[in-house]
Amino acid sequence: MLTILTQIGAFPARQLALMWLAGYRVWFAAGAGLLAGVISTLILSSIAA
């Protein structure tokens, strides 16, 4: 739907691109947080052992 609105000029293409990139930033942040959690767990478990 957003593509059609962009093609007819009702929705700016720049805004569509920014929304698309914002979605990827959320997934990147979630993945980075998960990776940091795994690494810290491995480090803490190796110290305790």
C-alpha atoms as a PDB file:
ATOM      1  CA  MET A   1       0.000   0.000   0.000  1.00  0.00           C
ATOM      2  CA  LEU A   2       2.823   2.398   0.844  1.00  0.00           C
ATOM      3  CA  THR A   3       4.469   1.679  -2.494  1.00  0.00           C
ATOM      4  CA  ILE A   4       1.319   2.662  -4.356  1.00  0.00           C
ATOM      5  CA  LEU A   5       0.966   5.833  -2.297  1.00  0.00           C
ATOM      6  CA  THR A   6       4.594   6.690  -3.050  1.00  0.00           C
ATOM      7  CA  GLN A   7       4.120   6.093  -6.767  1.00  0.00           C
ATOM      8  CA  ILE A   8       1.152   8.443  -6.985  1.00  0.00           C
ATOM      9  CA  GLY A   9       2.970  11.061  -4.915  1.00  0.00           C
ATOM     10  CA  ALA A  10       0.745  10.884  -1.832  1.00  0.00           C
ATOM     11  CA  PHE A  11       3.562   9.618   0.388  1.00  0.00           C
ATOM     12  CA  PRO A  12       7.154  10.942   0.158  1.00  0.00           C
ATOM     13  CA  ALA A  13       9.718   8.335  -0.928  1.00  0.00           C
ATOM     14  CA  ARG A  14      12.202   9.642   1.653  1.00  0.00           C
ATOM     15  CA  GLN A  15       9.738   8.946   4.463  1.00  0.00           C
ATOM     16  CA  LEU A  16       9.197   5.410   3.167  1.00  0.00           C
ATOM     17  CA  ALA A  17      12.953   4.768   3.114  1.00  0.00           C
ATOM     18  CA  LEU A  18      13.354   6.084   6.662  1.00  0.00           C
ATOM     19  CA  MET A  19      10.565   3.828   7.922  1.00  0.00           C
ATOM     20  CA  TRP A  20      12.179   0.834   6.217  1.00  0.00           C
ATOM     21  CA  LEU A  21      15.571   1.595   7.803  1.00  0.00           C
ATOM     22  CA  ALA A  22      14.000   2.105  11.240  1.00  0.00           C
ATOM     23  CA  GLY A  23      12.676  -1.451  11.152  1.00  0.00           C
ATOM     24  CA  TYR A  24      16.153  -2.800  10.491  1.00  0.00           C
ATOM     25  CA  ARG A  25      17.640  -0.725  13.312  1.00  0.00           C
ATOM     26  CA  VAL A  26      15.266  -2.403  15.760  1.00  0.00           C
ATOM     27  CA  TRP A  27      16.300  -5.900  14.609  1.00  0.00           C
ATOM     28  CA  PHE A  28      19.982  -4.934  14.678  1.00  0.00           C
ATOM     29  CA  ALA A  29      19.667  -3.623  18.253  1.00  0.00           C
ATOM     30  CA  ALA A  30      17.818  -6.774  19.348  1.00  0.00           C
ATOM     31  CA  GLY A  31      20.484  -8.996  17.781  1.00  0.00           C
ATOM     32  CA  ALA A  32      23.299  -6.975  19.344  1.00  0.00           C
ATOM     33  CA  GLY A  33      21.643  -7.224  22.764  1.00  0.00           C
ATOM     34  CA  LEU A  34      21.209 -10.965  22.413  1.00  0.00           C
ATOM     35  CA  LEU A  35      24.824 -11.395  21.342  1.00  0.00           C
ATOM     36  CA  ALA A  36      26.050  -9.279  24.271  1.00  0.00           C
ATOM     37  CA  GLY A  37      23.992 -11.412  26.645  1.00  0.00           C
ATOM     38  CA  VAL A  38      25.435 -14.646  25.294  1.00  0.00           C
ATOM     39  CA  ILE A  39      28.996 -13.351  25.458  1.00  0.00           C
ATOM     40  CA  SER A  40      28.603 -12.039  29.009  1.00  0.00           C
ATOM     41  CA  THR A  41      27.034 -15.327  30.109  1.00  0.00           C
ATOM     42  CA  LEU A  42      29.936 -17.299  28.647  1.00  0.00           C
ATOM     43  CA  ILE A  43      32.490 -15.007  30.268  1.00  0.00           C
ATOM     44  CA  LEU A  44      30.792 -15.137  33.668  1.00  0.00           C
ATOM     45  CA  SER A  45      30.366 -18.908  33.540  1.00  0.00           C
ATOM     46  CA  SER A  46      34.042 -19.401  32.678  1.00  0.00           C
ATOM     47  CA  ILE A  47      35.072 -17.170  35.610  1.00  0.00           C
ATOM     48  CA  ALA A  48      32.840 -19.073  38.063  1.00  0.00           C
ATOM     49  CA  ALA A  49      34.145 -22.467  36.943  1.00  0.00           C
END
